[in-house]
């Protein structure tokens, strides 16, 4: 979730950098910055690609009471249904659960 937050919101960080927001770079520098940011985005995508493949499993571990049963592996779906239906377990904290 943190990775996708960064990828979605990296453009919004200019709002917090007013000086940078006022700078008008030359065309050469703009092209250079653009290619550097493109390379950085590619590197982030490559490094976090393996996390995207297990995103549903990570969500299931971090939020077992709210995760989608349909996205869970078939061998744990019934256990998740039981878990999410248990009022006693849901009333406690996740820390107490683990």
N, C-alpha and C. Protein backbone atom coordinates (compact mmCIF):
# COMPACT_ATOMS: atom_id res chain seq x y z
N UNK A 1 0.82 -1.19 0.00
CA UNK A 1 0.00 0.00 0.00
C UNK A 1 0.86 1.25 0.00
N UNK A 2 1.96 1.21 0.73
CA UNK A 2 2.84 2.38 0.75
C UNK A 2 3.45 2.64 -0.61
N UNK A 3 3.81 1.57 -1.29
CA UNK A 3 4.40 1.71 -2.62
C UNK A 3 3.40 2.34 -3.58
N UNK A 4 2.19 1.83 -3.59
CA UNK A 4 1.20 2.39 -4.52
C UNK A 4 0.85 3.81 -4.12
N UNK A 5 0.86 4.13 -2.83
CA UNK A 5 0.62 5.50 -2.39
C UNK A 5 1.68 6.43 -2.97
N UNK A 6 2.95 6.00 -2.90
CA UNK A 6 4.01 6.83 -3.45
C UNK A 6 3.86 7.01 -4.94
N UNK A 7 3.56 5.92 -5.65
CA UNK A 7 3.45 6.00 -7.09
C UNK A 7 2.30 6.90 -7.52
N UNK A 8 1.22 6.89 -6.78
CA UNK A 8 0.07 7.71 -7.15
C UNK A 8 0.29 9.16 -6.75
N UNK A 9 0.94 9.41 -5.62
CA UNK A 9 1.01 10.75 -5.06
C UNK A 9 2.34 11.47 -5.22
N UNK A 10 3.27 10.93 -5.98
CA UNK A 10 4.57 11.61 -6.09
C UNK A 10 4.42 12.97 -6.76
N UNK A 11 3.45 13.12 -7.65
CA UNK A 11 3.25 14.41 -8.30
C UNK A 11 2.72 15.44 -7.32
N UNK A 12 1.96 15.02 -6.34
CA UNK A 12 1.36 15.92 -5.37
C UNK A 12 2.41 16.55 -4.46
N UNK A 13 3.61 15.97 -4.39
CA UNK A 13 4.63 16.53 -3.50
C UNK A 13 5.08 17.91 -3.93
N UNK A 14 4.90 18.28 -5.19
CA UNK A 14 5.27 19.63 -5.62
C UNK A 14 4.43 20.69 -4.91
N UNK A 15 3.28 20.34 -4.44
CA UNK A 15 2.44 21.28 -3.71
C UNK A 15 3.14 21.74 -2.45
N UNK A 16 3.95 20.87 -1.87
CA UNK A 16 4.66 21.18 -0.64
C UNK A 16 6.03 21.80 -0.90
N UNK A 17 6.40 21.96 -2.15
CA UNK A 17 7.69 22.54 -2.51
C UNK A 17 7.44 23.75 -3.41
N UNK A 18 7.00 24.83 -2.80
CA UNK A 18 6.60 26.01 -3.55
C UNK A 18 7.73 26.59 -4.40
N UNK A 19 8.96 26.60 -3.88
CA UNK A 19 10.08 27.14 -4.64
C UNK A 19 10.31 26.32 -5.90
N UNK A 20 10.30 25.02 -5.77
CA UNK A 20 10.49 24.15 -6.92
C UNK A 20 9.34 24.31 -7.92
N UNK A 21 8.17 24.57 -7.40
CA UNK A 21 7.00 24.74 -8.25
C UNK A 21 7.11 26.00 -9.11
N UNK A 22 7.87 27.02 -8.64
CA UNK A 22 8.01 28.29 -9.36
C UNK A 22 9.14 28.27 -10.39
N UNK A 23 10.03 27.32 -10.29
CA UNK A 23 11.18 27.25 -11.19
C UNK A 23 10.73 26.83 -12.58
N UNK A 24 11.27 27.51 -13.59
CA UNK A 24 10.98 27.15 -14.97
C UNK A 24 12.28 26.66 -15.61
N UNK A 25 12.47 25.34 -15.66
CA UNK A 25 13.73 24.83 -16.20
C UNK A 25 13.79 24.96 -17.73
N UNK A 26 15.02 24.94 -18.23
CA UNK A 26 15.21 24.99 -19.68
C UNK A 26 14.69 23.69 -20.30
N UNK A 27 14.50 23.71 -21.60
CA UNK A 27 13.99 22.54 -22.31
C UNK A 27 14.94 21.35 -22.16
N UNK A 28 16.25 21.62 -22.21
CA UNK A 28 17.23 20.55 -22.05
C UNK A 28 17.11 19.90 -20.68
N UNK A 29 17.04 20.75 -19.66
CA UNK A 29 16.94 20.21 -18.30
C UNK A 29 15.61 19.50 -18.08
N UNK A 30 14.56 20.05 -18.64
CA UNK A 30 13.25 19.43 -18.51
C UNK A 30 13.26 18.03 -19.13
N UNK A 31 13.89 17.90 -20.27
CA UNK A 31 14.00 16.60 -20.92
C UNK A 31 14.83 15.65 -20.07
N UNK A 32 15.92 16.17 -19.50
CA UNK A 32 16.78 15.35 -18.65
C UNK A 32 16.03 14.90 -17.39
N UNK A 33 15.32 15.85 -16.76
CA UNK A 33 14.54 15.52 -15.56
C UNK A 33 13.45 14.49 -15.88
N UNK A 34 12.82 14.68 -17.02
CA UNK A 34 11.76 13.77 -17.43
C UNK A 34 12.30 12.36 -17.61
N UNK A 35 13.45 12.24 -18.26
CA UNK A 35 14.01 10.90 -18.46
C UNK A 35 14.48 10.30 -17.14
N UNK A 36 15.00 11.13 -16.23
CA UNK A 36 15.43 10.64 -14.92
C UNK A 36 14.22 10.15 -14.12
N UNK A 37 13.13 10.91 -14.15
CA UNK A 37 11.93 10.50 -13.44
C UNK A 37 11.33 9.24 -14.05
N UNK A 38 11.39 9.14 -15.37
CA UNK A 38 10.93 7.93 -16.04
C UNK A 38 11.75 6.72 -15.62
N UNK A 39 13.07 6.89 -15.53
CA UNK A 39 13.94 5.81 -15.09
C UNK A 39 13.66 5.44 -13.63
N UNK A 40 13.43 6.46 -12.81
CA UNK A 40 13.11 6.21 -11.40
C UNK A 40 11.79 5.45 -11.27
N UNK A 41 10.79 5.84 -12.04
CA UNK A 41 9.51 5.14 -12.03
C UNK A 41 9.69 3.69 -12.48
N UNK A 42 10.48 3.48 -13.52
CA UNK A 42 10.76 2.12 -14.00
C UNK A 42 11.45 1.29 -12.95
N UNK A 43 12.39 1.91 -12.22
CA UNK A 43 13.12 1.19 -11.16
C UNK A 43 12.19 0.81 -10.02
N UNK A 44 11.32 1.75 -9.62
CA UNK A 44 10.34 1.43 -8.57
C UNK A 44 9.44 0.29 -9.02
N UNK A 45 8.96 0.37 -10.24
CA UNK A 45 8.08 -0.68 -10.76
C UNK A 45 8.77 -2.03 -10.77
N UNK A 46 10.03 -2.04 -11.19
CA UNK A 46 10.78 -3.29 -11.25
C UNK A 46 11.04 -3.86 -9.85
N UNK A 47 11.44 -3.00 -8.93
CA UNK A 47 11.78 -3.47 -7.59
C UNK A 47 10.57 -3.94 -6.79
N UNK A 48 9.43 -3.33 -7.03
CA UNK A 48 8.25 -3.69 -6.26
C UNK A 48 7.29 -4.60 -7.02
N UNK A 49 7.71 -5.09 -8.17
CA UNK A 49 6.88 -5.97 -8.98
C UNK A 49 6.49 -7.24 -8.21
N UNK A 50 7.44 -7.80 -7.48
CA UNK A 50 7.15 -9.02 -6.73
C UNK A 50 6.13 -8.78 -5.62
N UNK A 51 6.11 -7.56 -5.07
CA UNK A 51 5.13 -7.26 -4.03
C UNK A 51 3.72 -7.16 -4.61
N UNK A 52 3.61 -6.69 -5.85
CA UNK A 52 2.29 -6.60 -6.48
C UNK A 52 1.68 -7.98 -6.69
N UNK A 53 2.53 -8.97 -6.91
CA UNK A 53 2.01 -10.32 -7.15
C UNK A 53 1.45 -10.95 -5.88
N UNK A 54 1.90 -10.48 -4.73
CA UNK A 54 1.40 -11.04 -3.46
C UNK A 54 0.59 -10.01 -2.67
N UNK A 55 0.12 -8.99 -3.35
CA UNK A 55 -0.62 -7.91 -2.68
C UNK A 55 -1.86 -8.43 -1.95
N UNK A 56 -2.63 -9.31 -2.57
CA UNK A 56 -3.83 -9.85 -1.93
C UNK A 56 -3.48 -10.65 -0.67
N UNK A 57 -2.41 -11.44 -0.74
CA UNK A 57 -1.99 -12.21 0.43
C UNK A 57 -1.53 -11.30 1.55
N UNK A 58 -0.79 -10.23 1.21
CA UNK A 58 -0.34 -9.29 2.24
C UNK A 58 -1.53 -8.60 2.89
N UNK A 59 -2.53 -8.24 2.08
CA UNK A 59 -3.73 -7.61 2.63
C UNK A 59 -4.48 -8.58 3.54
N UNK A 60 -4.51 -9.85 3.16
CA UNK A 60 -5.18 -10.86 3.97
C UNK A 60 -4.49 -10.99 5.34
N UNK A 61 -3.18 -10.92 5.37
CA UNK A 61 -2.44 -11.02 6.63
C UNK A 61 -2.61 -9.76 7.47
N UNK A 62 -2.54 -8.59 6.83
CA UNK A 62 -2.62 -7.34 7.59
C UNK A 62 -4.03 -6.97 8.00
N UNK A 63 -5.04 -7.44 7.27
CA UNK A 63 -6.44 -7.10 7.58
C UNK A 63 -7.34 -8.32 7.40
N UNK A 64 -7.16 -9.35 8.21
CA UNK A 64 -7.92 -10.58 7.99
C UNK A 64 -9.43 -10.42 8.19
N UNK A 65 -9.85 -9.41 8.96
CA UNK A 65 -11.27 -9.23 9.23
C UNK A 65 -11.98 -8.45 8.13
N UNK A 66 -11.23 -7.77 7.28
CA UNK A 66 -11.86 -6.93 6.25
C UNK A 66 -11.45 -7.30 4.82
N UNK A 67 -10.50 -8.20 4.67
CA UNK A 67 -10.05 -8.54 3.32
C UNK A 67 -11.15 -9.28 2.55
N UNK A 68 -11.05 -9.26 1.26
CA UNK A 68 -12.03 -9.93 0.40
C UNK A 68 -11.79 -11.43 0.40
N UNK A 69 -12.79 -12.17 0.74
CA UNK A 69 -12.69 -13.63 0.74
C UNK A 69 -12.50 -14.14 -0.69
N UNK A 70 -13.13 -13.47 -1.64
CA UNK A 70 -13.03 -13.88 -3.05
C UNK A 70 -11.62 -13.79 -3.59
N UNK A 71 -10.82 -12.84 -3.07
CA UNK A 71 -9.45 -12.67 -3.54
C UNK A 71 -8.46 -13.57 -2.81
N UNK A 72 -8.91 -14.24 -1.77
CA UNK A 72 -8.04 -15.12 -0.98
C UNK A 72 -7.86 -16.45 -1.70
N UNK A 73 -6.74 -17.12 -1.43
CA UNK A 73 -6.56 -18.46 -2.00
C UNK A 73 -7.70 -19.38 -1.56
N UNK A 74 -8.09 -20.29 -2.42
CA UNK A 74 -9.25 -21.15 -2.16
C UNK A 74 -9.08 -22.00 -0.90
N UNK A 75 -7.85 -22.35 -0.56
CA UNK A 75 -7.63 -23.21 0.60
C UNK A 75 -7.82 -22.50 1.95
N UNK A 76 -7.95 -21.17 1.95
CA UNK A 76 -8.18 -20.44 3.21
C UNK A 76 -9.50 -19.68 3.23
N UNK A 77 -10.27 -19.76 2.17
CA UNK A 77 -11.51 -18.99 2.10
C UNK A 77 -12.49 -19.35 3.21
N UNK A 78 -12.68 -20.63 3.48
CA UNK A 78 -13.61 -21.04 4.55
C UNK A 78 -13.14 -20.55 5.91
N UNK A 79 -11.85 -20.62 6.15
CA UNK A 79 -11.30 -20.13 7.42
C UNK A 79 -11.52 -18.63 7.54
N UNK A 80 -11.35 -17.90 6.46
CA UNK A 80 -11.58 -16.46 6.48
C UNK A 80 -13.05 -16.13 6.76
N UNK A 81 -13.94 -16.89 6.16
CA UNK A 81 -15.37 -16.68 6.40
C UNK A 81 -15.69 -16.89 7.88
N UNK A 82 -15.16 -17.99 8.45
CA UNK A 82 -15.36 -18.24 9.88
C UNK A 82 -14.77 -17.11 10.73
N UNK A 83 -13.58 -16.69 10.38
CA UNK A 83 -12.90 -15.63 11.12
C UNK A 83 -13.67 -14.32 11.06
N UNK A 84 -14.11 -13.95 9.86
CA UNK A 84 -14.82 -12.68 9.69
C UNK A 84 -16.22 -12.72 10.30
N UNK A 85 -16.75 -13.91 10.54
CA UNK A 85 -18.07 -14.06 11.14
C UNK A 85 -18.02 -14.13 12.66
N UNK A 86 -16.85 -14.28 13.23
CA UNK A 86 -16.70 -14.45 14.67
C UNK A 86 -16.72 -13.08 15.36
N UNK A 87 -17.80 -12.78 16.04
CA UNK A 87 -17.97 -11.47 16.70
C UNK A 87 -16.96 -11.26 17.82
N UNK A 88 -16.61 -12.32 18.53
CA UNK A 88 -15.66 -12.20 19.63
C UNK A 88 -14.28 -11.79 19.12
N UNK A 89 -13.83 -12.44 18.06
CA UNK A 89 -12.53 -12.09 17.49
C UNK A 89 -12.53 -10.69 16.89
N UNK A 90 -13.60 -10.33 16.22
CA UNK A 90 -13.68 -9.01 15.59
C UNK A 90 -13.73 -7.88 16.61
N UNK A 91 -14.24 -8.17 17.82
CA UNK A 91 -14.35 -7.13 18.84
C UNK A 91 -12.99 -6.77 19.45
N UNK A 92 -12.02 -7.66 19.35
CA UNK A 92 -10.69 -7.39 19.90
C UNK A 92 -9.83 -6.67 18.87
N UNK A 93 -8.63 -6.35 19.27
CA UNK A 93 -7.70 -5.67 18.35
C UNK A 93 -6.96 -6.70 17.50
N UNK A 94 -6.41 -6.26 16.42
CA UNK A 94 -5.64 -7.15 15.56
C UNK A 94 -4.40 -7.65 16.29
N UNK A 95 -3.84 -6.81 17.13
CA UNK A 95 -2.67 -7.21 17.92
C UNK A 95 -3.03 -8.35 18.88
N UNK A 96 -4.21 -8.27 19.49
CA UNK A 96 -4.66 -9.36 20.36
C UNK A 96 -4.89 -10.63 19.56
N UNK A 97 -5.39 -10.47 18.36
CA UNK A 97 -5.65 -11.62 17.49
C UNK A 97 -4.35 -12.37 17.19
N UNK A 98 -3.32 -11.60 16.81
CA UNK A 98 -2.05 -12.23 16.48
C UNK A 98 -1.28 -12.58 17.73
